[in-house]
Amino acid sequence: MKIAILGTGNLGYSIAVGLLTQDNFKLKNLYLTKRHTKALESWNKIPNVKISTDNKKAVRFSDVVIIAVQPNQLQEVLDEIKDLVNPKRHTIISVVTGRKIN
């Protein structure tokens, strides 16, 4: 499975840790995006984990997209990736508090 977490702040980071610590879960690639990736540099040492500021690239190379940005950033991220999302291929999960995606 190829997963992208768009917005790897506190919540996105916790989800990534949870995914990587599962014994019975096969993860082919995990893409972690953040506007400023300095805080994620230690993840570069983990096999199959990719760090980027490019949400579009992360979506392009993933099957599951977890959106974990701040509520005020949600619309901007949705507008950025909308042309890349394929309903037959992608599963979109939002963990953004207080906001709905359609």
PDB file of N, CA and C in Angstrom:
ATOM      1  N   MET A   1       0.831  -1.171   0.000  1.00  0.00           N
ATOM      2  CA  MET A   1       0.000   0.000   0.000  1.00  0.00           C
ATOM      3  C   MET A   1       0.884   1.246   0.000  1.00  0.00           C
ATOM      4  N   LYS A   2       0.460   2.245  -0.757  1.00  0.00           N
ATOM      5  CA  LYS A   2       1.174   3.520  -0.826  1.00  0.00           C
ATOM      6  C   LYS A   2       0.288   4.595  -0.200  1.00  0.00           C
ATOM      7  N   ILE A   3       0.829   5.237   0.837  1.00  0.00           N
ATOM      8  CA  ILE A   3       0.058   6.220   1.596  1.00  0.00           C
ATOM      9  C   ILE A   3       0.779   7.559   1.604  1.00  0.00           C
ATOM     10  N   ALA A   4      -0.004   8.623   1.473  1.00  0.00           N
ATOM     11  CA  ALA A   4       0.525   9.985   1.617  1.00  0.00           C
ATOM     12  C   ALA A   4      -0.172  10.640   2.796  1.00  0.00           C
ATOM     13  N   ILE A   5       0.601  11.318   3.619  1.00  0.00           N
ATOM     14  CA  ILE A   5       0.039  12.142   4.684  1.00  0.00           C
ATOM     15  C   ILE A   5       0.384  13.589   4.341  1.00  0.00           C
ATOM     16  N   LEU A   6      -0.643  14.344   3.989  1.00  0.00           N
ATOM     17  CA  LEU A   6      -0.453  15.742   3.632  1.00  0.00           C
ATOM     18  C   LEU A   6      -0.626  16.575   4.895  1.00  0.00           C
ATOM     19  N   GLY A   7       0.457  17.165   5.336  1.00  0.00           N
ATOM     20  CA  GLY A   7       0.429  17.944   6.564  1.00  0.00           C
ATOM     21  C   GLY A   7       0.905  17.098   7.733  1.00  0.00           C
ATOM     22  N   THR A   8       2.192  16.885   7.800  1.00  0.00           N
ATOM     23  CA  THR A   8       2.741  16.021   8.839  1.00  0.00           C
ATOM     24  C   THR A   8       3.168  16.854  10.043  1.00  0.00           C
ATOM     25  N   GLY A   9       2.154  17.434  10.688  1.00  0.00           N
ATOM     26  CA  GLY A   9       2.366  18.122  11.956  1.00  0.00           C
ATOM     27  C   GLY A   9       2.171  17.106  13.074  1.00  0.00           C
ATOM     28  N   ASN A  10       1.644  17.519  14.200  1.00  0.00           N
ATOM     29  CA  ASN A  10       1.472  16.610  15.334  1.00  0.00           C
ATOM     30  C   ASN A  10       0.592  15.406  15.010  1.00  0.00           C
ATOM     31  N   LEU A  11      -0.589  15.660  14.439  1.00  0.00           N
ATOM     32  CA  LEU A  11      -1.500  14.562  14.144  1.00  0.00           C
ATOM     33  C   LEU A  11      -0.976  13.684  13.019  1.00  0.00           C
ATOM     34  N   GLY A  12      -0.509  14.294  11.937  1.00  0.00           N
ATOM     35  CA  GLY A  12       0.044  13.521  10.826  1.00  0.00           C
ATOM     36  C   GLY A  12       1.243  12.684  11.254  1.00  0.00           C
ATOM     37  N   TYR A  13       2.064  13.253  12.107  1.00  0.00           N
ATOM     38  CA  TYR A  13       3.235  12.552  12.652  1.00  0.00           C
ATOM     39  C   TYR A  13       2.790  11.328  13.451  1.00  0.00           C
ATOM     40  N   SER A  14       1.783  11.486  14.285  1.00  0.00           N
ATOM     41  CA  SER A  14       1.278  10.375  15.094  1.00  0.00           C
ATOM     42  C   SER A  14       0.705   9.266  14.218  1.00  0.00           C
ATOM     43  N   ILE A  15       0.014   9.634  13.172  1.00  0.00           N
ATOM     44  CA  ILE A  15      -0.527   8.636  12.244  1.00  0.00           C
ATOM     45  C   ILE A  15       0.619   7.877  11.573  1.00  0.00           C
ATOM     46  N   ALA A  16       1.644   8.604  11.140  1.00  0.00           N
ATOM     47  CA  ALA A  16       2.800   7.963  10.495  1.00  0.00           C
ATOM     48  C   ALA A  16       3.480   6.974  11.433  1.00  0.00           C
ATOM     49  N   VAL A  17       3.685   7.371  12.673  1.00  0.00           N
ATOM     50  CA  VAL A  17       4.298   6.469  13.656  1.00  0.00           C
ATOM     51  C   VAL A  17       3.432   5.226  13.832  1.00  0.00           C
ATOM     52  N   GLY A  18       2.139   5.422  13.940  1.00  0.00           N
ATOM     53  CA  GLY A  18       1.229   4.288  14.082  1.00  0.00           C
ATOM     54  C   GLY A  18       1.299   3.336  12.905  1.00  0.00           C
ATOM     55  N   LEU A  19       1.343   3.874  11.702  1.00  0.00           N
ATOM     56  CA  LEU A  19       1.438   3.023  10.510  1.00  0.00           C
ATOM     57  C   LEU A  19       2.739   2.228  10.484  1.00  0.00           C
ATOM     58  N   LEU A  20       3.825   2.886  10.814  1.00  0.00           N
ATOM     59  CA  LEU A  20       5.131   2.236  10.728  1.00  0.00           C
ATOM     60  C   LEU A  20       5.380   1.230  11.845  1.00  0.00           C
ATOM     61  N   THR A  21       4.619   1.274  12.908  1.00  0.00           N
ATOM     62  CA  THR A  21       4.835   0.332  14.010  1.00  0.00           C
ATOM     63  C   THR A  21       3.905  -0.869  13.957  1.00  0.00           C
ATOM     64  N   GLN A  22       3.078  -0.965  12.938  1.00  0.00           N
ATOM     65  CA  GLN A  22       2.182  -2.109  12.795  1.00  0.00           C
ATOM     66  C   GLN A  22       2.946  -3.310  12.250  1.00  0.00           C
ATOM     67  N   ASP A  23       2.872  -4.422  12.939  1.00  0.00           N
ATOM     68  CA  ASP A  23       3.569  -5.633  12.494  1.00  0.00           C
ATOM     69  C   ASP A  23       2.897  -6.300  11.308  1.00  0.00           C
ATOM     70  N   ASN A  24       1.588  -6.236  11.236  1.00  0.00           N
ATOM     71  CA  ASN A  24       0.844  -6.956  10.204  1.00  0.00           C
ATOM     72  C   ASN A  24       0.401  -6.062   9.045  1.00  0.00           C
ATOM     73  N   PHE A  25       1.093  -4.987   8.831  1.00  0.00           N
ATOM     74  CA  PHE A  25       0.707  -4.014   7.816  1.00  0.00           C
ATOM     75  C   PHE A  25       1.842  -3.834   6.832  1.00  0.00           C
ATOM     76  N   LYS A  26       1.581  -4.134   5.562  1.00  0.00           N
ATOM     77  CA  LYS A  26       2.589  -3.991   4.509  1.00  0.00           C
ATOM     78  C   LYS A  26       2.489  -2.596   3.904  1.00  0.00           C
ATOM     79  N   LEU A  27       3.527  -1.819   4.080  1.00  0.00           N
ATOM     80  CA  LEU A  27       3.558  -0.460   3.561  1.00  0.00           C
ATOM     81  C   LEU A  27       4.629  -0.373   2.493  1.00  0.00           C
ATOM     82  N   LYS A  28       4.211  -0.122   1.257  1.00  0.00           N
ATOM     83  CA  LYS A  28       5.170  -0.036   0.168  1.00  0.00           C
ATOM     84  C   LYS A  28       5.898   1.312   0.188  1.00  0.00           C
ATOM     85  N   ASN A  29       5.140   2.386   0.343  1.00  0.00           N
ATOM     86  CA  ASN A  29       5.722   3.728   0.416  1.00  0.00           C
ATOM     87  C   ASN A  29       4.865   4.602   1.311  1.00  0.00           C
ATOM     88  N   LEU A  30       5.526   5.479   2.035  1.00  0.00           N
ATOM     89  CA  LEU A  30       4.843   6.469   2.865  1.00  0.00           C
ATOM     90  C   LEU A  30       5.416   7.827   2.506  1.00  0.00           C
ATOM     91  N   TYR A  31       4.559   8.690   1.967  1.00  0.00           N
ATOM     92  CA  TYR A  31       4.963  10.045   1.612  1.00  0.00           C
ATOM     93  C   TYR A  31       4.472  10.988   2.699  1.00  0.00           C
ATOM     94  N   LEU A  32       5.376  11.775   3.253  1.00  0.00           N
ATOM     95  CA  LEU A  32       5.037  12.748   4.285  1.00  0.00           C
ATOM     96  C   LEU A  32       5.309  14.133   3.737  1.00  0.00           C
ATOM     97  N   THR A  33       4.294  14.990   3.755  1.00  0.00           N
ATOM     98  CA  THR A  33       4.509  16.353   3.264  1.00  0.00           C
ATOM     99  C   THR A  33       4.303  17.350   4.392  1.00  0.00           C
ATOM    100  N   LYS A  34       5.025  18.434   4.249  1.00  0.00           N
ATOM    101  CA  LYS A  34       4.937  19.542   5.202  1.00  0.00           C
ATOM    102  C   LYS A  34       5.546  20.755   4.502  1.00  0.00           C
ATOM    103  N   ARG A  35       5.034  21.932   4.801  1.00  0.00           N
ATOM    104  CA  ARG A  35       5.583  23.144   4.163  1.00  0.00           C
ATOM    105  C   ARG A  35       7.063  23.322   4.484  1.00  0.00           C
ATOM    106  N   HIS A  36       7.437  23.041   5.709  1.00  0.00           N
ATOM    107  CA  HIS A  36       8.838  23.145   6.134  1.00  0.00           C
ATOM    108  C   HIS A  36       9.268  21.763   6.633  1.00  0.00           C
ATOM    109  N   THR A  37      10.110  21.089   5.884  1.00  0.00           N
ATOM    110  CA  THR A  37      10.407  19.677   6.147  1.00  0.00           C
ATOM    111  C   THR A  37      11.547  19.452   7.142  1.00  0.00           C
ATOM    112  N   LYS A  38      12.150  20.491   7.653  1.00  0.00           N
ATOM    113  CA  LYS A  38      13.285  20.323   8.565  1.00  0.00           C
ATOM    114  C   LYS A  38      12.950  19.398   9.734  1.00  0.00           C
ATOM    115  N   ALA A  39      11.759  19.524  10.289  1.00  0.00           N
ATOM    116  CA  ALA A  39      11.356  18.696  11.427  1.00  0.00           C
ATOM    117  C   ALA A  39      11.186  17.221  11.052  1.00  0.00           C
ATOM    118  N   LEU A  40      11.142  16.935   9.758  1.00  0.00           N
ATOM    119  CA  LEU A  40      10.934  15.553   9.311  1.00  0.00           C
ATOM    120  C   LEU A  40      12.214  14.886   8.806  1.00  0.00           C
ATOM    121  N   GLU A  41      13.340  15.559   8.885  1.00  0.00           N
ATOM    122  CA  GLU A  41      14.578  15.038   8.293  1.00  0.00           C
ATOM    123  C   GLU A  41      14.980  13.671   8.823  1.00  0.00           C
ATOM    124  N   SER A  42      14.695  13.373  10.084  1.00  0.00           N
ATOM    125  CA  SER A  42      15.073  12.069  10.640  1.00  0.00           C
ATOM    126  C   SER A  42      14.314  10.920   9.968  1.00  0.00           C
ATOM    127  N   TRP A  43      13.183  11.213   9.360  1.00  0.00           N
ATOM    128  CA  TRP A  43      12.403  10.181   8.670  1.00  0.00           C
ATOM    129  C   TRP A  43      13.080   9.724   7.376  1.00  0.00           C
ATOM    130  N   ASN A  44      13.995  10.521   6.844  1.00  0.00           N
ATOM    131  CA  ASN A  44      14.692  10.146   5.607  1.00  0.00           C
ATOM    132  C   ASN A  44      15.495   8.859   5.754  1.00  0.00           C
ATOM    133  N   LYS A  45      15.825   8.477   6.977  1.00  0.00           N
ATOM    134  CA  LYS A  45      16.619   7.268   7.213  1.00  0.00           C
ATOM    135  C   LYS A  45      15.774   5.999   7.216  1.00  0.00           C
ATOM    136  N   ILE A  46      14.460   6.151   7.196  1.00  0.00           N
ATOM    137  CA  ILE A  46      13.562   4.997   7.244  1.00  0.00           C
ATOM    138  C   ILE A  46      13.266   4.551   5.813  1.00  0.00           C
ATOM    139  N   PRO A  47      13.494   3.260   5.524  1.00  0.00           N
ATOM    140  CA  PRO A  47      13.224   2.765   4.170  1.00  0.00           C
ATOM    141  C   PRO A  47      11.757   2.990   3.777  1.00  0.00           C
ATOM    142  N   ASN A  48      11.542   3.318   2.537  1.00  0.00           N
ATOM    143  CA  ASN A  48      10.222   3.516   1.942  1.00  0.00           C
ATOM    144  C   ASN A  48       9.486   4.758   2.430  1.00  0.00           C
ATOM    145  N   VAL A  49      10.160   5.642   3.151  1.00  0.00           N
ATOM    146  CA  VAL A  49       9.537   6.897   3.580  1.00  0.00           C
ATOM    147  C   VAL A  49      10.133   8.030   2.753  1.00  0.00           C
ATOM    148  N   LYS A  50       9.264   8.820   2.160  1.00  0.00           N
ATOM    149  CA  LYS A  50       9.682   9.954   1.337  1.00  0.00           C
ATOM    150  C   LYS A  50       9.177  11.238   1.994  1.00  0.00           C
ATOM    151  N   ILE A  51      10.028  12.239   2.072  1.00  0.00           N
ATOM    152  CA  ILE A  51       9.699  13.532   2.662  1.00  0.00           C
ATOM    153  C   ILE A  51       9.658  14.576   1.546  1.00  0.00           C
ATOM    154  N   SER A  52       8.635  15.432   1.572  1.00  0.00           N
ATOM    155  CA  SER A  52       8.515  16.414   0.500  1.00  0.00           C
ATOM    156  C   SER A  52       7.646  17.588   0.932  1.00  0.00           C
ATOM    157  N   THR A  53       7.779  18.681   0.199  1.00  0.00           N
ATOM    158  CA  THR A  53       6.859  19.809   0.332  1.00  0.00           C
ATOM    159  C   THR A  53       5.804  19.758  -0.774  1.00  0.00           C
ATOM    160  N   ASP A  54       5.910  18.783  -1.658  1.00  0.00           N
ATOM    161  CA  ASP A  54       5.085  18.692  -2.861  1.00  0.00           C
ATOM    162  C   ASP A  54       3.881  17.762  -2.658  1.00  0.00           C
ATOM    163  N   ASN A  55       2.732  18.338  -2.333  1.00  0.00           N
ATOM    164  CA  ASN A  55       1.522  17.547  -2.141  1.00  0.00           C
ATOM    165  C   ASN A  55       1.092  16.827  -3.405  1.00  0.00           C
ATOM    166  N   LYS A  56       1.251  17.473  -4.542  1.00  0.00           N
ATOM    167  CA  LYS A  56       0.850  16.862  -5.814  1.00  0.00           C
ATOM    168  C   LYS A  56       1.634  15.588  -6.086  1.00  0.00           C
ATOM    169  N   LYS A  57       2.928  15.638  -5.876  1.00  0.00           N
ATOM    170  CA  LYS A  57       3.772  14.459  -6.086  1.00  0.00           C
ATOM    171  C   LYS A  57       3.352  13.341  -5.134  1.00  0.00           C
ATOM    172  N   ALA A  58       3.086  13.681  -3.894  1.00  0.00           N
ATOM    173  CA  ALA A  58       2.673  12.681  -2.912  1.00  0.00           C
ATOM    174  C   ALA A  58       1.372  11.998  -3.335  1.00  0.00           C
ATOM    175  N   VAL A  59       0.417  12.769  -3.825  1.00  0.00           N
ATOM    176  CA  VAL A  59      -0.854  12.200  -4.284  1.00  0.00           C
ATOM    177  C   VAL A  59      -0.631  11.336  -5.512  1.00  0.00           C
ATOM    178  N   ARG A  60       0.175  11.812  -6.429  1.00  0.00           N
ATOM    179  CA  ARG A  60       0.449  11.084  -7.672  1.00  0.00           C
ATOM    180  C   ARG A  60       0.994   9.684  -7.412  1.00  0.00           C
ATOM    181  N   PHE A  61       1.798   9.535  -6.373  1.00  0.00           N
ATOM    182  CA  PHE A  61       2.447   8.261  -6.102  1.00  0.00           C
ATOM    183  C   PHE A  61       1.815   7.494  -4.945  1.00  0.00           C
ATOM    184  N   SER A  62       0.563   7.807  -4.606  1.00  0.00           N
ATOM    185  CA  SER A  62      -0.100   7.150  -3.483  1.00  0.00           C
ATOM    186  C   SER A  62      -1.469   6.625  -3.878  1.00  0.00           C
ATOM    187  N   ASP A  63      -1.953   5.680  -3.072  1.00  0.00           N
ATOM    188  CA  ASP A  63      -3.304   5.132  -3.240  1.00  0.00           C
ATOM    189  C   ASP A  63      -4.237   5.674  -2.171  1.00  0.00           C
ATOM    190  N   VAL A  64      -3.695   5.914  -0.984  1.00  0.00           N
ATOM    191  CA  VAL A  64      -4.462   6.457   0.140  1.00  0.00           C
ATOM    192  C   VAL A  64      -3.853   7.813   0.477  1.00  0.00           C
ATOM    193  N   VAL A  65      -4.707   8.827   0.591  1.00  0.00           N
ATOM    194  CA  VAL A  65      -4.253  10.176   0.916  1.00  0.00           C
ATOM    195  C   VAL A  65      -4.927  10.593   2.223  1.00  0.00           C
ATOM    196  N   ILE A  66      -4.113  10.849   3.227  1.00  0.00           N
ATOM    197  CA  ILE A  66      -4.615  11.306   4.516  1.00  0.00           C
ATOM    198  C   ILE A  66      -4.318  12.808   4.609  1.00  0.00           C
ATOM    199  N   ILE A  67      -5.368  13.589   4.743  1.00  0.00           N
ATOM    200  CA  ILE A  67      -5.200  15.036   4.833  1.00  0.00           C
ATOM    201  C   ILE A  67      -5.225  15.414   6.312  1.00  0.00           C
ATOM    202  N   ALA A  68      -4.105  15.952   6.786  1.00  0.00           N
ATOM    203  CA  ALA A  68      -3.948  16.260   8.209  1.00  0.00           C
ATOM    204  C   ALA A  68      -3.450  17.689   8.420  1.00  0.00           C
ATOM    205  N   VAL A  69      -3.964  18.591   7.611  1.00  0.00           N
ATOM    206  CA  VAL A  69      -3.536  19.992   7.703  1.00  0.00           C
ATOM    207  C   VAL A  69      -4.402  20.745   8.712  1.00  0.00           C
ATOM    208  N   GLN A  70      -4.026  21.974   9.008  1.00  0.00           N
ATOM    209  CA  GLN A  70      -4.830  22.846   9.858  1.00  0.00           C
ATOM    210  C   GLN A  70      -6.122  23.200   9.109  1.00  0.00           C
ATOM    211  N   PRO A  71      -7.232  23.398   9.833  1.00  0.00           N
ATOM    212  CA  PRO A  71      -8.506  23.699   9.170  1.00  0.00           C
ATOM    213  C   PRO A  71      -8.432  24.865   8.171  1.00  0.00           C
ATOM    214  N   ASN A  72      -7.668  25.893   8.492  1.00  0.00           N
ATOM    215  CA  ASN A  72      -7.582  27.048   7.585  1.00  0.00           C
ATOM    216  C   ASN A  72      -6.755  26.761   6.330  1.00  0.00           C
ATOM    217  N   GLN A  73      -6.076  25.640   6.278  1.00  0.00           N
ATOM    218  CA  GLN A  73      -5.279  25.246   5.113  1.00  0.00           C
ATOM    219  C   GLN A  73      -6.005  24.234   4.222  1.00  0.00           C
ATOM    220  N   LEU A  74      -7.125  23.700   4.692  1.00  0.00           N
ATOM    221  CA  LEU A  74      -7.793  22.612   3.985  1.00  0.00           C
ATOM    222  C   LEU A  74      -8.182  22.974   2.563  1.00  0.00           C
ATOM    223  N   GLN A  75      -8.873  24.085   2.373  1.00  0.00           N
ATOM    224  CA  GLN A  75      -9.346  24.432   1.030  1.00  0.00           C
ATOM    225  C   GLN A  75      -8.185  24.596   0.047  1.00  0.00           C
ATOM    226  N   GLU A  76      -7.114  25.215   0.502  1.00  0.00           N
ATOM    227  CA  GLU A  76      -5.946  25.400  -0.354  1.00  0.00           C
ATOM    228  C   GLU A  76      -5.371  24.050  -0.801  1.00  0.00           C
ATOM    229  N   VAL A  77      -5.280  23.107   0.110  1.00  0.00           N
ATOM    230  CA  VAL A  77      -4.744  21.782  -0.216  1.00  0.00           C
ATOM    231  C   VAL A  77      -5.696  21.037  -1.145  1.00  0.00           C
ATOM    232  N   LEU A  78      -6.996  21.104  -0.872  1.00  0.00           N
ATOM    233  CA  LEU A  78      -7.965  20.444  -1.752  1.00  0.00           C
ATOM    234  C   LEU A  78      -7.908  21.020  -3.164  1.00  0.00           C
ATOM    235  N   ASP A  79      -7.811  22.337  -3.282  1.00  0.00           N
ATOM    236  CA  ASP A  79      -7.701  22.969  -4.601  1.00  0.00           C
ATOM    237  C   ASP A  79      -6.430  22.520  -5.312  1.00  0.00           C
ATOM    238  N   GLU A  80      -5.358  22.354  -4.555  1.00  0.00           N
ATOM    239  CA  GLU A  80      -4.065  21.957  -5.124  1.00  0.00           C
ATOM    240  C   GLU A  80      -4.093  20.541  -5.695  1.00  0.00           C
ATOM    241  N   ILE A  81      -4.795  19.628  -5.036  1.00  0.00           N
ATOM    242  CA  ILE A  81      -4.736  18.218  -5.450  1.00  0.00           C
ATOM    243  C   ILE A  81      -5.950  17.742  -6.240  1.00  0.00           C
ATOM    244  N   LYS A  82      -6.981  18.559  -6.352  1.00  0.00           N
ATOM    245  CA  LYS A  82      -8.254  18.094  -6.930  1.00  0.00           C
ATOM    246  C   LYS A  82      -8.123  17.495  -8.328  1.00  0.00           C
ATOM    247  N   ASP A  83      -7.249  18.014  -9.152  1.00  0.00           N
ATOM    248  CA  ASP A  83      -7.109  17.493 -10.513  1.00  0.00           C
ATOM    249  C   ASP A  83      -6.353  16.167 -10.559  1.00  0.00           C
ATOM    250  N   LEU A  84      -5.720  15.785  -9.469  1.00  0.00           N
ATOM    251  CA  LEU A  84      -4.947  14.546  -9.424  1.00  0.00           C
ATOM    252  C   LEU A  84      -5.703  13.386  -8.786  1.00  0.00           C
ATOM    253  N   VAL A  85      -6.757  13.694  -8.061  1.00  0.00           N
ATOM    254  CA  VAL A  85      -7.485  12.656  -7.345  1.00  0.00           C
ATOM    255  C   VAL A  85      -8.350  11.865  -8.320  1.00  0.00           C
ATOM    256  N   ASN A  86      -8.164  10.558  -8.297  1.00  0.00           N
ATOM    257  CA  ASN A  86      -8.925   9.640  -9.136  1.00  0.00           C
ATOM    258  C   ASN A  86      -9.775   8.776  -8.205  1.00  0.00           C
ATOM    259  N   PRO A  87     -11.107   8.945  -8.218  1.00  0.00           N
ATOM    260  CA  PRO A  87     -11.964   8.190  -7.300  1.00  0.00           C
ATOM    261  C   PRO A  87     -11.847   6.670  -7.445  1.00  0.00           C
ATOM    262  N   LYS A  88     -11.438   6.195  -8.599  1.00  0.00           N
ATOM    263  CA  LYS A  88     -11.273   4.754  -8.794  1.00  0.00           C
ATOM    264  C   LYS A  88      -9.978   4.241  -8.177  1.00  0.00           C
ATOM    265  N   ARG A  89      -9.052   5.115  -7.935  1.00  0.00           N
ATOM    266  CA  ARG A  89      -7.741   4.726  -7.406  1.00  0.00           C
ATOM    267  C   ARG A  89      -7.511   5.180  -5.969  1.00  0.00           C
ATOM    268  N   HIS A  90      -7.890   6.399  -5.669  1.00  0.00           N
ATOM    269  CA  HIS A  90      -7.540   7.005  -4.388  1.00  0.00           C
ATOM    270  C   HIS A  90      -8.636   6.859  -3.334  1.00  0.00           C
ATOM    271  N   THR A  91      -8.199   6.630  -2.125  1.00  0.00           N
ATOM    272  CA  THR A  91      -9.047   6.753  -0.953  1.00  0.00           C
ATOM    273  C   THR A  91      -8.569   7.996  -0.225  1.00  0.00           C
ATOM    274  N   ILE A  92      -9.489   8.915   0.032  1.00  0.00           N
ATOM    275  CA  ILE A  92      -9.143  10.168   0.698  1.00  0.00           C
ATOM    276  C   ILE A  92      -9.700  10.126   2.116  1.00  0.00           C
ATOM    277  N   ILE A  93      -8.838  10.393   3.078  1.00  0.00           N
ATOM    278  CA  ILE A  93      -9.225  10.436   4.492  1.00  0.00           C
ATOM    279  C   ILE A  93      -8.827  11.799   5.025  1.00  0.00           C
ATOM    280  N   SER A  94      -9.793  12.471   5.639  1.00  0.00           N
ATOM    281  CA  SER A  94      -9.492  13.758   6.261  1.00  0.00           C
ATOM    282  C   SER A  94      -9.575  13.614   7.769  1.00  0.00           C
ATOM    283  N   VAL A  95      -8.547  14.101   8.447  1.00  0.00           N
ATOM    284  CA  VAL A  95      -8.555  14.151   9.909  1.00  0.00           C
ATOM    285  C   VAL A  95      -8.542  15.615  10.360  1.00  0.00           C
ATOM    286  N   VAL A  96      -8.953  16.485   9.468  1.00  0.00           N
ATOM    287  CA  VAL A  96      -9.012  17.913   9.751  1.00  0.00           C
ATOM    288  C   VAL A  96     -10.213  18.187  10.648  1.00  0.00           C
ATOM    289  N   THR A  97      -9.983  18.819  11.779  1.00  0.00           N
ATOM    290  CA  THR A  97     -11.057  19.040  12.744  1.00  0.00           C
ATOM    291  C   THR A  97     -12.013  20.130  12.293  1.00  0.00           C
ATOM    292  N   GLY A  98     -13.288  19.846  12.497  1.00  0.00           N
ATOM    293  CA  GLY A  98     -14.325  20.845  12.257  1.00  0.00           C
ATOM    294  C   GLY A  98     -14.616  21.176  10.817  1.00  0.00           C
ATOM    295  N   ARG A  99     -14.097  20.412   9.873  1.00  0.00           N
ATOM    296  CA  ARG A  99     -14.318  20.690   8.440  1.00  0.00           C
ATOM    297  C   ARG A  99     -14.757  19.432   7.725  1.00  0.00           C
ATOM    298  N   LYS A 100     -15.596  19.601   6.710  1.00  0.00           N
ATOM    299  CA  LYS A 100     -16.050  18.484   5.874  1.00  0.00           C
ATOM    300  C   LYS A 100     -15.411  18.615   4.498  1.00  0.00           C
ATOM    301  N   ILE A 101     -15.178  17.466   3.869  1.00  0.00           N
ATOM    302  CA  ILE A 101     -14.750  17.485   2.467  1.00  0.00           C
ATOM    303  C   ILE A 101     -15.825  16.758   1.671  1.00  0.00           C
ATOM    304  N   ASN A 102     -16.077  17.221   0.466  1.00  0.00           N
ATOM    305  CA  ASN A 102     -17.082  16.603  -0.403  1.00  0.00           C
ATOM    306  C   ASN A 102     -16.450  16.110  -1.662  1.00  0.00           C
TER     307      ASN A 102
END
